[in-house]
Amino acid sequence: MTASRKALAVLLLAAAPVAGQESGGGGDLAKQLANPIASLISVPIQTNTDFGIGPYNGSRFVANVQPVIPFALGEDLNLITRWIVPVVSQRDIFGENTGETGLSDALISAFVSPATSSVTWGIGPAILVPTATDDRLGTGKLGVGPSAVALVQNGPWTYGALANHIWAIAGDDERADVNQSFFQPFLTYNWPSGAGVALQGELTQNWEAETTVLVISPSVSALTTLGSQAVSLQVGPRLHFGDNRADFGMRAAVVLVFPKS
């Protein structure tokens, strides 16, 4: 199995996509799901629920729909596109008895990755699209910046990191500017059955507001099928640190995997 075929477990374990059935069994498929830039089509649906936010003890539910679609750029390169479309429902964030529900801003990433390499890596642009249906759910800005991912798979282990930075280039002049960095290290262990455990960090640095938020997410995962459809299931707590943090949260994800013909 080449590095790029192994490469689908981490971007997609937090949002993991699942490929079609592999001759190596559940363990090989789970390892592919630990790589964000594997050459597999998948539709991860990741939900994050956080409680105890801000002075009004607010709550927020976010469902991230994250389709991952790969393209071959000849024999030596792959282009992996990843869309994140958040659906948000929040209460008591901006005041008591307030609430907003709708779309937040979408994030589109594209990674150019070598088809074979001892270290799996990808690099490309990240684009913030102002798709929010409520001013309180988005930035009102169009943003762009670089994004990169690198990982190593050694036996049952997958470890690496993803990072991006977004600057606003257009949008509502009356809204706050966007100048934000994101760093996501990850570590995953998979058993031959396809079951796994993972530890993931999400560090967000808002340079305009001068705030730092760190979320650490340990999780367990398993592979199963619904009829003929391969599915990855994941669940775990979200532990918050830093500025304007929530008291506690939970993450659950379902990933549908579609092999390329």
C-alpha atoms as a PDB file:
ATOM      1  CA  MET A   1       0.000   0.000   0.000  1.00  0.00           C
ATOM      2  CA  THR A   2       1.505   3.373  -1.040  1.00  0.00           C
ATOM      3  CA  ALA A   3       1.803   6.322   1.316  1.00  0.00           C
ATOM      4  CA  SER A   4      -1.001   8.189  -0.430  1.00  0.00           C
ATOM      5  CA  ARG A   5      -3.349   5.192  -0.166  1.00  0.00           C
ATOM      6  CA  LYS A   6      -2.552   4.907   3.523  1.00  0.00           C
ATOM      7  CA  ALA A   7      -3.081   8.618   3.917  1.00  0.00           C
ATOM      8  CA  LEU A   8      -6.753   9.032   4.824  1.00  0.00           C
ATOM      9  CA  ALA A   9      -7.011   8.719   8.599  1.00  0.00           C
ATOM     10  CA  VAL A  10      -6.489  12.017  10.432  1.00  0.00           C
ATOM     11  CA  LEU A  11      -8.125  14.936   8.676  1.00  0.00           C
ATOM     12  CA  LEU A  12     -10.891  12.466   8.363  1.00  0.00           C
ATOM     13  CA  LEU A  13     -10.680  10.795  11.750  1.00  0.00           C
ATOM     14  CA  ALA A  14     -11.642  14.036  13.308  1.00  0.00           C
ATOM     15  CA  ALA A  15     -13.935  14.154  10.374  1.00  0.00           C
ATOM     16  CA  ALA A  16     -12.831  10.856   9.045  1.00  0.00           C
ATOM     17  CA  PRO A  17     -13.750   9.613   5.591  1.00  0.00           C
ATOM     18  CA  VAL A  18     -13.896   5.898   4.864  1.00  0.00           C
ATOM     19  CA  ALA A  19     -12.754   4.205   1.689  1.00  0.00           C
ATOM     20  CA  GLY A  20     -14.182   1.102   0.112  1.00  0.00           C
ATOM     21  CA  GLN A  21     -13.391  -2.412   1.314  1.00  0.00           C
ATOM     22  CA  GLU A  22      -9.674  -3.230   1.212  1.00  0.00           C
ATOM     23  CA  SER A  23      -8.090  -6.651   1.051  1.00  0.00           C
ATOM     24  CA  GLY A  24      -6.051  -5.758   4.140  1.00  0.00           C
ATOM     25  CA  GLY A  25      -9.167  -5.732   6.321  1.00  0.00           C
ATOM     26  CA  GLY A  26     -10.582  -3.259   8.822  1.00  0.00           C
ATOM     27  CA  GLY A  27      -7.191  -2.282  10.185  1.00  0.00           C
ATOM     28  CA  ASP A  28      -5.926  -1.054   6.797  1.00  0.00           C
ATOM     29  CA  LEU A  29      -9.145   0.841   6.151  1.00  0.00           C
ATOM     30  CA  ALA A  30      -8.992   2.466   9.592  1.00  0.00           C
ATOM     31  CA  LYS A  31      -5.401   3.575   8.907  1.00  0.00           C
ATOM     32  CA  GLN A  32      -6.508   5.199   5.665  1.00  0.00           C
ATOM     33  CA  LEU A  33      -9.149   7.070   7.652  1.00  0.00           C
ATOM     34  CA  ALA A  34      -6.447   8.535   9.878  1.00  0.00           C
ATOM     35  CA  ASN A  35      -5.025  10.522   6.937  1.00  0.00           C
ATOM     36  CA  PRO A  36      -6.571  13.779   5.719  1.00  0.00           C
ATOM     37  CA  ILE A  37      -5.141  13.524   2.199  1.00  0.00           C
ATOM     38  CA  ALA A  38      -5.751   9.934   1.145  1.00  0.00           C
ATOM     39  CA  SER A  39      -7.012   9.356  -2.375  1.00  0.00           C
ATOM     40  CA  LEU A  40     -10.528   8.363  -1.298  1.00  0.00           C
ATOM     41  CA  ILE A  41     -13.978   9.923  -1.611  1.00  0.00           C
ATOM     42  CA  SER A  42     -15.692  10.312   1.766  1.00  0.00           C
ATOM     43  CA  VAL A  43     -18.439  12.300   3.458  1.00  0.00           C
ATOM     44  CA  PRO A  44     -17.653  12.896   7.141  1.00  0.00           C
ATOM     45  CA  ILE A  45     -20.342  14.422   9.339  1.00  0.00           C
ATOM     46  CA  GLN A  46     -18.811  15.658  12.584  1.00  0.00           C
ATOM     47  CA  THR A  47     -20.845  17.082  15.467  1.00  0.00           C
ATOM     48  CA  ASN A  48     -19.436  19.194  18.310  1.00  0.00           C
ATOM     49  CA  THR A  49     -21.572  20.153  21.301  1.00  0.00           C
ATOM     50  CA  ASP A  50     -20.157  22.597  23.862  1.00  0.00           C
ATOM     51  CA  PHE A  51     -21.627  23.844  27.158  1.00  0.00           C
ATOM     52  CA  GLY A  52     -20.860  26.640  29.607  1.00  0.00           C
ATOM     53  CA  ILE A  53     -19.818  29.258  27.037  1.00  0.00           C
ATOM     54  CA  GLY A  54     -19.326  32.864  28.138  1.00  0.00           C
ATOM     55  CA  PRO A  55     -20.967  34.919  30.880  1.00  0.00           C
ATOM     56  CA  TYR A  56     -24.471  33.641  30.081  1.00  0.00           C
ATOM     57  CA  ASN A  57     -23.553  29.945  30.348  1.00  0.00           C
ATOM     58  CA  GLY A  58     -24.387  29.410  26.674  1.00  0.00           C
ATOM     59  CA  SER A  59     -24.329  26.275  24.539  1.00  0.00           C
ATOM     60  CA  ARG A  60     -23.446  25.610  20.920  1.00  0.00           C
ATOM     61  CA  PHE A  61     -24.093  22.666  18.572  1.00  0.00           C
ATOM     62  CA  VAL A  62     -22.100  22.501  15.326  1.00  0.00           C
ATOM     63  CA  ALA A  63     -22.565  19.863  12.623  1.00  0.00           C
ATOM     64  CA  ASN A  64     -19.676  19.997  10.126  1.00  0.00           C
ATOM     65  CA  VAL A  65     -20.477  18.403   6.775  1.00  0.00           C
ATOM     66  CA  GLN A  66     -17.036  17.711   5.290  1.00  0.00           C
ATOM     67  CA  PRO A  67     -16.969  16.012   1.872  1.00  0.00           C
ATOM     68  CA  VAL A  68     -13.479  14.993   0.707  1.00  0.00           C
ATOM     69  CA  ILE A  69     -12.960  14.514  -3.038  1.00  0.00           C
ATOM     70  CA  PRO A  70      -9.596  13.511  -4.577  1.00  0.00           C
ATOM     71  CA  PHE A  71      -8.380  14.048  -8.136  1.00  0.00           C
ATOM     72  CA  ALA A  72      -5.361  12.535  -9.870  1.00  0.00           C
ATOM     73  CA  LEU A  73      -2.915  15.053 -11.363  1.00  0.00           C
ATOM     74  CA  GLY A  74      -1.058  12.545 -13.497  1.00  0.00           C
ATOM     75  CA  GLU A  75       0.771   9.541 -12.044  1.00  0.00           C
ATOM     76  CA  ASP A  76       2.863  11.398  -9.463  1.00  0.00           C
ATOM     77  CA  LEU A  77       0.503  13.912  -7.835  1.00  0.00           C
ATOM     78  CA  ASN A  78      -2.925  13.948  -6.236  1.00  0.00           C
ATOM     79  CA  LEU A  79      -5.191  16.920  -5.524  1.00  0.00           C
ATOM     80  CA  ILE A  80      -7.327  16.402  -2.395  1.00  0.00           C
ATOM     81  CA  THR A  81     -10.191  18.863  -1.956  1.00  0.00           C
ATOM     82  CA  ARG A  82     -11.962  19.235   1.380  1.00  0.00           C
ATOM     83  CA  TRP A  83     -15.058  21.312   2.094  1.00  0.00           C
ATOM     84  CA  ILE A  84     -16.250  22.150   5.617  1.00  0.00           C
ATOM     85  CA  VAL A  85     -19.808  23.491   5.793  1.00  0.00           C
ATOM     86  CA  PRO A  86     -20.886  24.150   9.423  1.00  0.00           C
ATOM     87  CA  VAL A  87     -24.536  24.078  10.496  1.00  0.00           C
ATOM     88  CA  VAL A  88     -24.821  25.842  13.872  1.00  0.00           C
ATOM     89  CA  SER A  89     -27.439  26.129  16.604  1.00  0.00           C
ATOM     90  CA  GLN A  90     -26.478  28.196  19.657  1.00  0.00           C
ATOM     91  CA  ARG A  91     -28.235  29.575  22.716  1.00  0.00           C
ATOM     92  CA  ASP A  92     -27.363  32.279  25.289  1.00  0.00           C
ATOM     93  CA  ILE A  93     -24.069  33.188  23.617  1.00  0.00           C
ATOM     94  CA  PHE A  94     -24.748  36.909  23.059  1.00  0.00           C
ATOM     95  CA  GLY A  95     -27.187  37.349  25.942  1.00  0.00           C
ATOM     96  CA  GLU A  96     -29.811  35.569  28.005  1.00  0.00           C
ATOM     97  CA  ASN A  97     -32.694  34.066  26.030  1.00  0.00           C
ATOM     98  CA  THR A  98     -30.971  34.689  22.685  1.00  0.00           C
ATOM     99  CA  GLY A  99     -30.433  32.080  20.009  1.00  0.00           C
ATOM    100  CA  GLU A 100     -29.235  31.679  16.437  1.00  0.00           C
ATOM    101  CA  THR A 101     -29.528  28.751  14.023  1.00  0.00           C
ATOM    102  CA  GLY A 102     -28.217  28.471  10.468  1.00  0.00           C
ATOM    103  CA  LEU A 103     -25.098  28.131   8.347  1.00  0.00           C
ATOM    104  CA  SER A 104     -21.718  29.461   9.449  1.00  0.00           C
ATOM    105  CA  ASP A 105     -18.824  30.346   7.110  1.00  0.00           C
ATOM    106  CA  ALA A 106     -17.522  27.547   4.882  1.00  0.00           C
ATOM    107  CA  LEU A 107     -13.845  26.579   4.624  1.00  0.00           C
ATOM    108  CA  ILE A 108     -12.507  25.097   1.385  1.00  0.00           C
ATOM    109  CA  SER A 109      -9.041  23.518   1.324  1.00  0.00           C
ATOM    110  CA  ALA A 110      -7.065  21.918  -1.508  1.00  0.00           C
ATOM    111  CA  PHE A 111      -3.915  19.856  -0.943  1.00  0.00           C
ATOM    112  CA  VAL A 112      -1.445  18.900  -3.664  1.00  0.00           C
ATOM    113  CA  SER A 113       0.210  15.686  -2.471  1.00  0.00           C
ATOM    114  CA  PRO A 114       2.787  13.309  -4.007  1.00  0.00           C
ATOM    115  CA  ALA A 115       1.417   9.873  -4.874  1.00  0.00           C
ATOM    116  CA  THR A 116       4.377   8.184  -3.165  1.00  0.00           C
ATOM    117  CA  SER A 117       6.582   9.490  -0.357  1.00  0.00           C
ATOM    118  CA  SER A 118       8.133   8.189   2.871  1.00  0.00           C
ATOM    119  CA  VAL A 119       6.411  11.086   4.664  1.00  0.00           C
ATOM    120  CA  THR A 120       2.891  11.836   3.478  1.00  0.00           C
ATOM    121  CA  TRP A 121       2.396  15.569   2.973  1.00  0.00           C
ATOM    122  CA  GLY A 122       0.215  18.052   1.154  1.00  0.00           C
ATOM    123  CA  ILE A 123       0.140  21.802   0.659  1.00  0.00           C
ATOM    124  CA  GLY A 124      -2.270  24.250  -0.913  1.00  0.00           C
ATOM    125  CA  PRO A 125      -4.721  27.109  -0.332  1.00  0.00           C
ATOM    126  CA  ALA A 126      -7.458  27.507   2.261  1.00  0.00           C
ATOM    127  CA  ILE A 127     -10.428  29.775   1.439  1.00  0.00           C
ATOM    128  CA  LEU A 128     -12.915  31.164   3.964  1.00  0.00           C
ATOM    129  CA  VAL A 129     -16.279  31.776   2.266  1.00  0.00           C
ATOM    130  CA  PRO A 130     -18.847  34.049   4.022  1.00  0.00           C
ATOM    131  CA  THR A 131     -21.850  31.718   3.780  1.00  0.00           C
ATOM    132  CA  ALA A 132     -23.264  32.499   7.254  1.00  0.00           C
ATOM    133  CA  THR A 133     -27.027  33.062   7.325  1.00  0.00           C
ATOM    134  CA  ASP A 134     -26.797  35.222  10.476  1.00  0.00           C
ATOM    135  CA  ASP A 135     -24.220  37.919  11.346  1.00  0.00           C
ATOM    136  CA  ARG A 136     -23.643  36.217  14.699  1.00  0.00           C
ATOM    137  CA  LEU A 137     -22.732  32.926  13.007  1.00  0.00           C
ATOM    138  CA  GLY A 138     -19.979  34.194  10.708  1.00  0.00           C
ATOM    139  CA  THR A 139     -17.296  36.772  10.014  1.00  0.00           C
ATOM    140  CA  GLY A 140     -18.799  38.565   7.021  1.00  0.00           C
ATOM    141  CA  LYS A 141     -15.377  38.276   5.359  1.00  0.00           C
ATOM    142  CA  LEU A 142     -13.818  36.471   2.409  1.00  0.00           C
ATOM    143  CA  GLY A 143     -10.462  35.107   3.507  1.00  0.00           C
ATOM    144  CA  VAL A 144      -7.543  33.174   1.990  1.00  0.00           C
ATOM    145  CA  GLY A 145      -4.266  31.705   3.177  1.00  0.00           C
ATOM    146  CA  PRO A 146      -1.950  28.686   3.083  1.00  0.00           C
ATOM    147  CA  SER A 147      -2.743  25.218   4.427  1.00  0.00           C
ATOM    148  CA  ALA A 148      -0.419  22.238   4.918  1.00  0.00           C
ATOM    149  CA  VAL A 149      -0.503  18.741   6.385  1.00  0.00           C
ATOM    150  CA  ALA A 150       2.217  16.154   7.088  1.00  0.00           C
ATOM    151  CA  LEU A 151       1.977  12.701   8.667  1.00  0.00           C
ATOM    152  CA  VAL A 152       3.777   9.413   9.161  1.00  0.00           C
ATOM    153  CA  GLN A 153       2.195   5.950   9.396  1.00  0.00           C
ATOM    154  CA  ASN A 154       4.306   3.362  11.219  1.00  0.00           C
ATOM    155  CA  GLY A 155       2.618   0.027  11.912  1.00  0.00           C
ATOM    156  CA  PRO A 156      -0.649   0.716  13.794  1.00  0.00           C
ATOM    157  CA  TRP A 157       0.384   4.328  14.531  1.00  0.00           C
ATOM    158  CA  THR A 158      -0.470   7.489  12.597  1.00  0.00           C
ATOM    159  CA  TYR A 159       0.893  10.833  13.746  1.00  0.00           C
ATOM    160  CA  GLY A 160       1.250  14.272  12.215  1.00  0.00           C
ATOM    161  CA  ALA A 161      -0.253  17.744  12.067  1.00  0.00           C
ATOM    162  CA  LEU A 162      -2.359  20.062   9.929  1.00  0.00           C
ATOM    163  CA  ALA A 163      -2.117  23.858   9.916  1.00  0.00           C
ATOM    164  CA  ASN A 164      -3.582  26.848   8.120  1.00  0.00           C
ATOM    165  CA  HIS A 165      -3.712  30.630   8.346  1.00  0.00           C
ATOM    166  CA  ILE A 166      -6.488  32.877   7.057  1.00  0.00           C
ATOM    167  CA  TRP A 167      -6.356  36.590   6.241  1.00  0.00           C
ATOM    168  CA  ALA A 168      -9.441  38.568   5.227  1.00  0.00           C
ATOM    169  CA  ILE A 169      -9.204  40.072   1.723  1.00  0.00           C
ATOM    170  CA  ALA A 170     -12.758  41.380   1.247  1.00  0.00           C
ATOM    171  CA  GLY A 171     -16.110  41.700   2.990  1.00  0.00           C
ATOM    172  CA  ASP A 172     -18.067  43.948   5.330  1.00  0.00           C
ATOM    173  CA  ASP A 173     -15.809  46.851   6.390  1.00  0.00           C
ATOM    174  CA  GLU A 174     -17.798  47.267   9.606  1.00  0.00           C
ATOM    175  CA  ARG A 175     -17.034  43.726  10.766  1.00  0.00           C
ATOM    176  CA  ALA A 176     -13.887  42.718  12.662  1.00  0.00           C
ATOM    177  CA  ASP A 177     -10.946  41.731  10.477  1.00  0.00           C
ATOM    178  CA  VAL A 178      -9.857  38.079  10.138  1.00  0.00           C
ATOM    179  CA  ASN A 179      -6.237  37.164  10.908  1.00  0.00           C
ATOM    180  CA  GLN A 180      -6.306  33.680  12.395  1.00  0.00           C
ATOM    181  CA  SER A 181      -4.013  30.664  12.687  1.00  0.00           C
ATOM    182  CA  PHE A 182      -5.084  27.049  13.222  1.00  0.00           C
ATOM    183  CA  PHE A 183      -2.839  24.133  14.257  1.00  0.00           C
ATOM    184  CA  GLN A 184      -4.091  20.528  14.629  1.00  0.00           C
ATOM    185  CA  PRO A 185      -1.657  17.808  15.789  1.00  0.00           C
ATOM    186  CA  PHE A 186      -2.989  14.244  15.909  1.00  0.00           C
ATOM    187  CA  LEU A 187      -2.018  10.753  17.088  1.00  0.00           C
ATOM    188  CA  THR A 188      -3.970   7.579  16.245  1.00  0.00           C
ATOM    189  CA  TYR A 189      -3.574   3.879  17.067  1.00  0.00           C
ATOM    190  CA  ASN A 190      -5.617   1.266  15.142  1.00  0.00           C
ATOM    191  CA  TRP A 191      -6.083  -2.445  15.902  1.00  0.00           C
ATOM    192  CA  PRO A 192      -6.416  -5.035  13.092  1.00  0.00           C
ATOM    193  CA  SER A 193     -10.184  -5.132  13.698  1.00  0.00           C
ATOM    194  CA  GLY A 194     -10.460  -1.481  12.650  1.00  0.00           C
ATOM    195  CA  ALA A 195     -11.128  -0.164  16.153  1.00  0.00           C
ATOM    196  CA  GLY A 196      -8.941   2.741  17.218  1.00  0.00           C
ATOM    197  CA  VAL A 197      -8.084   5.376  19.781  1.00  0.00           C
ATOM    198  CA  ALA A 198      -6.961   8.911  18.940  1.00  0.00           C
ATOM    199  CA  LEU A 199      -5.741  12.106  20.559  1.00  0.00           C
ATOM    200  CA  GLN A 200      -6.170  15.371  18.691  1.00  0.00           C
ATOM    201  CA  GLY A 201      -5.474  18.994  19.540  1.00  0.00           C
ATOM    202  CA  GLU A 202      -7.003  22.101  17.942  1.00  0.00           C
ATOM    203  CA  LEU A 203      -5.176  25.369  18.661  1.00  0.00           C
ATOM    204  CA  THR A 204      -6.802  28.551  17.296  1.00  0.00           C
ATOM    205  CA  GLN A 205      -4.962  31.869  17.563  1.00  0.00           C
ATOM    206  CA  ASN A 206      -6.996  34.991  16.736  1.00  0.00           C
ATOM    207  CA  TRP A 207      -4.345  37.668  16.172  1.00  0.00           C
ATOM    208  CA  GLU A 208      -6.891  40.490  15.862  1.00  0.00           C
ATOM    209  CA  ALA A 209      -8.742  39.744  19.116  1.00  0.00           C
ATOM    210  CA  GLU A 210      -5.526  38.473  20.772  1.00  0.00           C
ATOM    211  CA  THR A 211      -7.234  35.305  22.006  1.00  0.00           C
ATOM    212  CA  THR A 212      -5.980  31.728  22.125  1.00  0.00           C
ATOM    213  CA  VAL A 213      -8.232  28.655  22.365  1.00  0.00           C
ATOM    214  CA  LEU A 214      -7.029  25.064  22.724  1.00  0.00           C
ATOM    215  CA  VAL A 215      -9.361  22.048  22.456  1.00  0.00           C
ATOM    216  CA  ILE A 216      -8.018  18.545  23.204  1.00  0.00           C
ATOM    217  CA  SER A 217     -10.161  15.668  21.944  1.00  0.00           C
ATOM    218  CA  PRO A 218      -9.411  12.058  22.961  1.00  0.00           C
ATOM    219  CA  SER A 219     -11.685   9.625  21.154  1.00  0.00           C
ATOM    220  CA  VAL A 220     -12.479   6.009  20.331  1.00  0.00           C
ATOM    221  CA  SER A 221     -13.567   4.818  16.890  1.00  0.00           C
ATOM    222  CA  ALA A 222     -14.878   1.732  15.149  1.00  0.00           C
ATOM    223  CA  LEU A 223     -15.629   0.513  11.620  1.00  0.00           C
ATOM    224  CA  THR A 224     -18.898  -1.086  10.608  1.00  0.00           C
ATOM    225  CA  THR A 225     -21.229  -1.379   7.619  1.00  0.00           C
ATOM    226  CA  LEU A 226     -24.769  -0.219   7.000  1.00  0.00           C
ATOM    227  CA  GLY A 227     -25.885  -2.599   4.294  1.00  0.00           C
ATOM    228  CA  SER A 228     -23.043  -2.385   1.778  1.00  0.00           C
ATOM    229  CA  GLN A 229     -21.922   1.061   2.986  1.00  0.00           C
ATOM    230  CA  ALA A 230     -18.657   1.254   4.963  1.00  0.00           C
ATOM    231  CA  VAL A 231     -19.016   3.578   7.962  1.00  0.00           C
ATOM    232  CA  SER A 232     -16.604   4.886  10.586  1.00  0.00           C
ATOM    233  CA  LEU A 233     -18.011   5.934  13.981  1.00  0.00           C
ATOM    234  CA  GLN A 234     -16.189   8.143  16.493  1.00  0.00           C
ATOM    235  CA  VAL A 235     -17.010   9.611  19.911  1.00  0.00           C
ATOM    236  CA  GLY A 236     -15.151  11.405  22.689  1.00  0.00           C
ATOM    237  CA  PRO A 237     -15.012  14.450  24.991  1.00  0.00           C
ATOM    238  CA  ARG A 238     -13.795  17.956  24.078  1.00  0.00           C
ATOM    239  CA  LEU A 239     -11.570  19.519  26.747  1.00  0.00           C
ATOM    240  CA  HIS A 240     -11.269  23.328  26.498  1.00  0.00           C
ATOM    241  CA  PHE A 241      -8.407  25.608  27.557  1.00  0.00           C
ATOM    242  CA  GLY A 242      -7.560  29.262  26.970  1.00  0.00           C
ATOM    243  CA  ASP A 243      -9.596  32.428  26.398  1.00  0.00           C
ATOM    244  CA  ASN A 244     -13.409  32.529  26.188  1.00  0.00           C
ATOM    245  CA  ARG A 245     -13.492  28.764  26.541  1.00  0.00           C
ATOM    246  CA  ALA A 246     -16.438  26.447  27.056  1.00  0.00           C
ATOM    247  CA  ASP A 247     -16.640  24.412  30.258  1.00  0.00           C
ATOM    248  CA  PHE A 248     -17.060  21.050  28.524  1.00  0.00           C
ATOM    249  CA  GLY A 249     -17.978  19.480  25.202  1.00  0.00           C
ATOM    250  CA  MET A 250     -18.571  16.249  23.279  1.00  0.00           C
ATOM    251  CA  ARG A 251     -17.685  15.163  19.742  1.00  0.00           C
ATOM    252  CA  ALA A 252     -19.320  12.474  17.607  1.00  0.00           C
ATOM    253  CA  ALA A 253     -18.642  11.709  13.946  1.00  0.00           C
ATOM    254  CA  VAL A 254     -19.992   9.454  11.208  1.00  0.00           C
ATOM    255  CA  VAL A 255     -17.953   8.978   8.037  1.00  0.00           C
ATOM    256  CA  LEU A 256     -19.349   7.462   4.839  1.00  0.00           C
ATOM    257  CA  VAL A 257     -16.674   6.084   2.504  1.00  0.00           C
ATOM    258  CA  PHE A 258     -16.956   5.710  -1.267  1.00  0.00           C
ATOM    259  CA  PRO A 259     -14.185   3.968  -3.213  1.00  0.00           C
ATOM    260  CA  LYS A 260     -13.016   5.560  -6.444  1.00  0.00           C
ATOM    261  CA  SER A 261     -13.913   3.559  -9.515  1.00  0.00           C
END
